[in-house]
């Protein structure tokens, strides 16, 4: 239960902290890392890809005219970003916490234990 709650919190906190750090450094980074042109539209660059995958998906779907134009509002994009990033990073942190739990519980076999100290 603690792992689920911690993964939900990390799913929200991790993207926010990373975007704040990237936003603070974006003035000092080269332009190809922070800006990308796709079919005549300016999109966030390679540095922002892990946090803006929904924006790339929407741009690709619009370029091929698969997505209808009803998703033009900022609220739709905001909900898409929040849900996708929360699910993605919540799942990743849940898996990492599960791996750490397994690593901590690994039992050392008797042959790897040191011999007992001598008795006085």
C-alpha atoms as a PDB file:
ATOM      1  CA  UNK A   1       0.000   0.000   0.000  1.00  0.00           C
ATOM      2  CA  UNK A   2       2.863   2.360   0.789  1.00  0.00           C
ATOM      3  CA  UNK A   3       4.399   1.620  -2.603  1.00  0.00           C
ATOM      4  CA  UNK A   4       1.175   2.552  -4.421  1.00  0.00           C
ATOM      5  CA  UNK A   5       0.818   5.820  -2.518  1.00  0.00           C
ATOM      6  CA  UNK A   6       4.484   6.688  -3.037  1.00  0.00           C
ATOM      7  CA  UNK A   7       4.270   5.903  -6.758  1.00  0.00           C
ATOM      8  CA  UNK A   8       1.210   8.169  -7.106  1.00  0.00           C
ATOM      9  CA  UNK A   9       3.076  10.991  -5.369  1.00  0.00           C
ATOM     10  CA  UNK A  10       6.237  10.440  -7.438  1.00  0.00           C
ATOM     11  CA  UNK A  11       4.134  10.308 -10.617  1.00  0.00           C
ATOM     12  CA  UNK A  12       3.006  13.848  -9.869  1.00  0.00           C
ATOM     13  CA  UNK A  13       6.176  15.308  -8.337  1.00  0.00           C
ATOM     14  CA  UNK A  14       8.822  13.940 -10.749  1.00  0.00           C
ATOM     15  CA  UNK A  15       7.538  15.595 -13.968  1.00  0.00           C
ATOM     16  CA  UNK A  16       6.925  18.900 -12.175  1.00  0.00           C
ATOM     17  CA  UNK A  17      10.421  19.041 -10.674  1.00  0.00           C
ATOM     18  CA  UNK A  18      12.078  18.025 -13.948  1.00  0.00           C
ATOM     19  CA  UNK A  19      10.138  20.585 -15.975  1.00  0.00           C
ATOM     20  CA  UNK A  20      11.065  23.298 -13.484  1.00  0.00           C
ATOM     21  CA  UNK A  21      14.742  22.364 -13.806  1.00  0.00           C
ATOM     22  CA  UNK A  22      14.584  22.201 -17.602  1.00  0.00           C
ATOM     23  CA  UNK A  23      12.697  25.501 -17.724  1.00  0.00           C
ATOM     24  CA  UNK A  24      15.374  27.200 -15.666  1.00  0.00           C
ATOM     25  CA  UNK A  25      18.145  25.829 -17.903  1.00  0.00           C
ATOM     26  CA  UNK A  26      16.402  26.315 -21.268  1.00  0.00           C
ATOM     27  CA  UNK A  27      17.911  29.762 -21.892  1.00  0.00           C
ATOM     28  CA  UNK A  28      21.410  28.289 -21.734  1.00  0.00           C
ATOM     29  CA  UNK A  29      20.840  25.196 -23.900  1.00  0.00           C
ATOM     30  CA  UNK A  30      21.368  25.003 -27.680  1.00  0.00           C
ATOM     31  CA  UNK A  31      18.296  25.543 -29.883  1.00  0.00           C
ATOM     32  CA  UNK A  32      17.990  21.979 -31.332  1.00  0.00           C
ATOM     33  CA  UNK A  33      17.511  20.638 -27.810  1.00  0.00           C
ATOM     34  CA  UNK A  34      14.708  23.034 -26.941  1.00  0.00           C
ATOM     35  CA  UNK A  35      12.877  23.633 -30.244  1.00  0.00           C
ATOM     36  CA  UNK A  36      11.825  21.394 -33.131  1.00  0.00           C
ATOM     37  CA  UNK A  37       9.850  22.083 -36.336  1.00  0.00           C
ATOM     38  CA  UNK A  38       7.357  19.459 -37.454  1.00  0.00           C
ATOM     39  CA  UNK A  39       5.166  20.065 -40.509  1.00  0.00           C
ATOM     40  CA  UNK A  40       5.565  23.819 -40.162  1.00  0.00           C
ATOM     41  CA  UNK A  41       4.698  23.947 -36.460  1.00  0.00           C
ATOM     42  CA  UNK A  42       7.131  24.712 -33.676  1.00  0.00           C
ATOM     43  CA  UNK A  43       7.225  21.965 -31.046  1.00  0.00           C
ATOM     44  CA  UNK A  44       9.298  21.437 -27.922  1.00  0.00           C
ATOM     45  CA  UNK A  45      12.669  19.887 -28.673  1.00  0.00           C
ATOM     46  CA  UNK A  46      14.316  16.600 -27.824  1.00  0.00           C
ATOM     47  CA  UNK A  47      14.985  17.660 -24.226  1.00  0.00           C
ATOM     48  CA  UNK A  48      11.252  17.941 -23.534  1.00  0.00           C
ATOM     49  CA  UNK A  49      10.205  14.675 -25.217  1.00  0.00           C
ATOM     50  CA  UNK A  50       9.716  12.587 -22.049  1.00  0.00           C
ATOM     51  CA  UNK A  51       7.326  15.193 -20.673  1.00  0.00           C
ATOM     52  CA  UNK A  52       5.456  16.203 -23.820  1.00  0.00           C
ATOM     53  CA  UNK A  53       4.823  12.920 -25.593  1.00  0.00           C
ATOM     54  CA  UNK A  54       1.076  13.720 -25.763  1.00  0.00           C
ATOM     55  CA  UNK A  55       1.858  16.921 -27.701  1.00  0.00           C
ATOM     56  CA  UNK A  56       3.905  14.972 -30.246  1.00  0.00           C
ATOM     57  CA  UNK A  57       1.147  12.370 -30.602  1.00  0.00           C
ATOM     58  CA  UNK A  58      -1.486  15.063 -31.201  1.00  0.00           C
ATOM     59  CA  UNK A  59       0.750  16.849 -33.742  1.00  0.00           C
ATOM     60  CA  UNK A  60       1.367  13.624 -35.669  1.00  0.00           C
ATOM     61  CA  UNK A  61      -2.313  12.668 -35.612  1.00  0.00           C
ATOM     62  CA  UNK A  62      -3.290  16.134 -36.850  1.00  0.00           C
ATOM     63  CA  UNK A  63      -0.653  16.049 -39.593  1.00  0.00           C
ATOM     64  CA  UNK A  64      -2.229  12.883 -40.969  1.00  0.00           C
ATOM     65  CA  UNK A  65      -5.765  14.241 -40.325  1.00  0.00           C
ATOM     66  CA  UNK A  66      -6.659  11.361 -38.013  1.00  0.00           C
ATOM     67  CA  UNK A  67      -7.570  13.491 -35.000  1.00  0.00           C
ATOM     68  CA  UNK A  68     -10.762  15.560 -35.264  1.00  0.00           C
ATOM     69  CA  UNK A  69     -10.494  19.314 -34.535  1.00  0.00           C
ATOM     70  CA  UNK A  70     -12.488  19.147 -31.287  1.00  0.00           C
ATOM     71  CA  UNK A  71      -9.283  18.958 -29.216  1.00  0.00           C
ATOM     72  CA  UNK A  72      -8.200  22.553 -29.814  1.00  0.00           C
ATOM     73  CA  UNK A  73      -8.705  23.831 -26.274  1.00  0.00           C
ATOM     74  CA  UNK A  74      -5.900  24.322 -23.782  1.00  0.00           C
ATOM     75  CA  UNK A  75      -7.886  22.363 -21.186  1.00  0.00           C
ATOM     76  CA  UNK A  76      -7.825  19.277 -23.384  1.00  0.00           C
ATOM     77  CA  UNK A  77      -4.045  19.480 -23.744  1.00  0.00           C
ATOM     78  CA  UNK A  78      -3.561  20.159 -20.041  1.00  0.00           C
ATOM     79  CA  UNK A  79      -5.688  17.173 -19.035  1.00  0.00           C
ATOM     80  CA  UNK A  80      -3.847  15.011 -21.572  1.00  0.00           C
ATOM     81  CA  UNK A  81      -0.428  16.055 -20.215  1.00  0.00           C
ATOM     82  CA  UNK A  82      -1.357  15.592 -16.580  1.00  0.00           C
ATOM     83  CA  UNK A  83      -2.988  12.189 -17.032  1.00  0.00           C
ATOM     84  CA  UNK A  84      -0.340  10.784 -19.347  1.00  0.00           C
ATOM     85  CA  UNK A  85       2.623  11.974 -17.288  1.00  0.00           C
ATOM     86  CA  UNK A  86       0.973  10.852 -14.062  1.00  0.00           C
ATOM     87  CA  UNK A  87       0.268   7.384 -15.428  1.00  0.00           C
ATOM     88  CA  UNK A  88       3.696   7.045 -17.082  1.00  0.00           C
ATOM     89  CA  UNK A  89       5.844   8.191 -14.170  1.00  0.00           C
ATOM     90  CA  UNK A  90       3.575   6.628 -11.540  1.00  0.00           C
ATOM     91  CA  UNK A  91       3.972   3.276 -13.293  1.00  0.00           C
ATOM     92  CA  UNK A  92       7.729   3.685 -13.676  1.00  0.00           C
ATOM     93  CA  UNK A  93       8.180   4.616 -10.033  1.00  0.00           C
ATOM     94  CA  UNK A  94       5.942   1.689  -8.968  1.00  0.00           C
ATOM     95  CA  UNK A  95       8.148  -0.709 -10.930  1.00  0.00           C
ATOM     96  CA  UNK A  96      11.368   0.804  -9.555  1.00  0.00           C
ATOM     97  CA  UNK A  97      10.061   0.663  -5.986  1.00  0.00           C
ATOM     98  CA  UNK A  98       9.071  -2.983  -6.527  1.00  0.00           C
ATOM     99  CA  UNK A  99      12.555  -3.782  -7.795  1.00  0.00           C
ATOM    100  CA  UNK A 100      14.132  -2.054  -4.798  1.00  0.00           C
ATOM    101  CA  UNK A 101      11.873  -3.997  -2.446  1.00  0.00           C
ATOM    102  CA  UNK A 102      12.974  -7.268  -4.043  1.00  0.00           C
ATOM    103  CA  UNK A 103      16.592  -6.194  -3.839  1.00  0.00           C
ATOM    104  CA  UNK A 104      16.295  -5.402  -0.119  1.00  0.00           C
ATOM    105  CA  UNK A 105      14.611  -8.709   0.684  1.00  0.00           C
ATOM    106  CA  UNK A 106      17.186 -10.842  -1.089  1.00  0.00           C
ATOM    107  CA  UNK A 107      18.337 -13.511   1.354  1.00  0.00           C
ATOM    108  CA  UNK A 108      22.031 -14.206   1.649  1.00  0.00           C
ATOM    109  CA  UNK A 109      22.791 -17.902   1.588  1.00  0.00           C
ATOM    110  CA  UNK A 110      24.552 -19.595   4.520  1.00  0.00           C
ATOM    111  CA  UNK A 111      27.748 -20.138   2.521  1.00  0.00           C
ATOM    112  CA  UNK A 112      28.171 -16.369   2.028  1.00  0.00           C
ATOM    113  CA  UNK A 113      27.871 -15.547   5.743  1.00  0.00           C
ATOM    114  CA  UNK A 114      31.099 -14.928   7.631  1.00  0.00           C
ATOM    115  CA  UNK A 115      32.088 -17.436  10.287  1.00  0.00           C
ATOM    116  CA  UNK A 116      30.918 -16.704  13.839  1.00  0.00           C
ATOM    117  CA  UNK A 117      33.373 -14.884  16.094  1.00  0.00           C
ATOM    118  CA  UNK A 118      35.351 -16.960  18.597  1.00  0.00           C
ATOM    119  CA  UNK A 119      33.817 -17.386  22.048  1.00  0.00           C
ATOM    120  CA  UNK A 120      35.747 -16.130  25.064  1.00  0.00           C
END
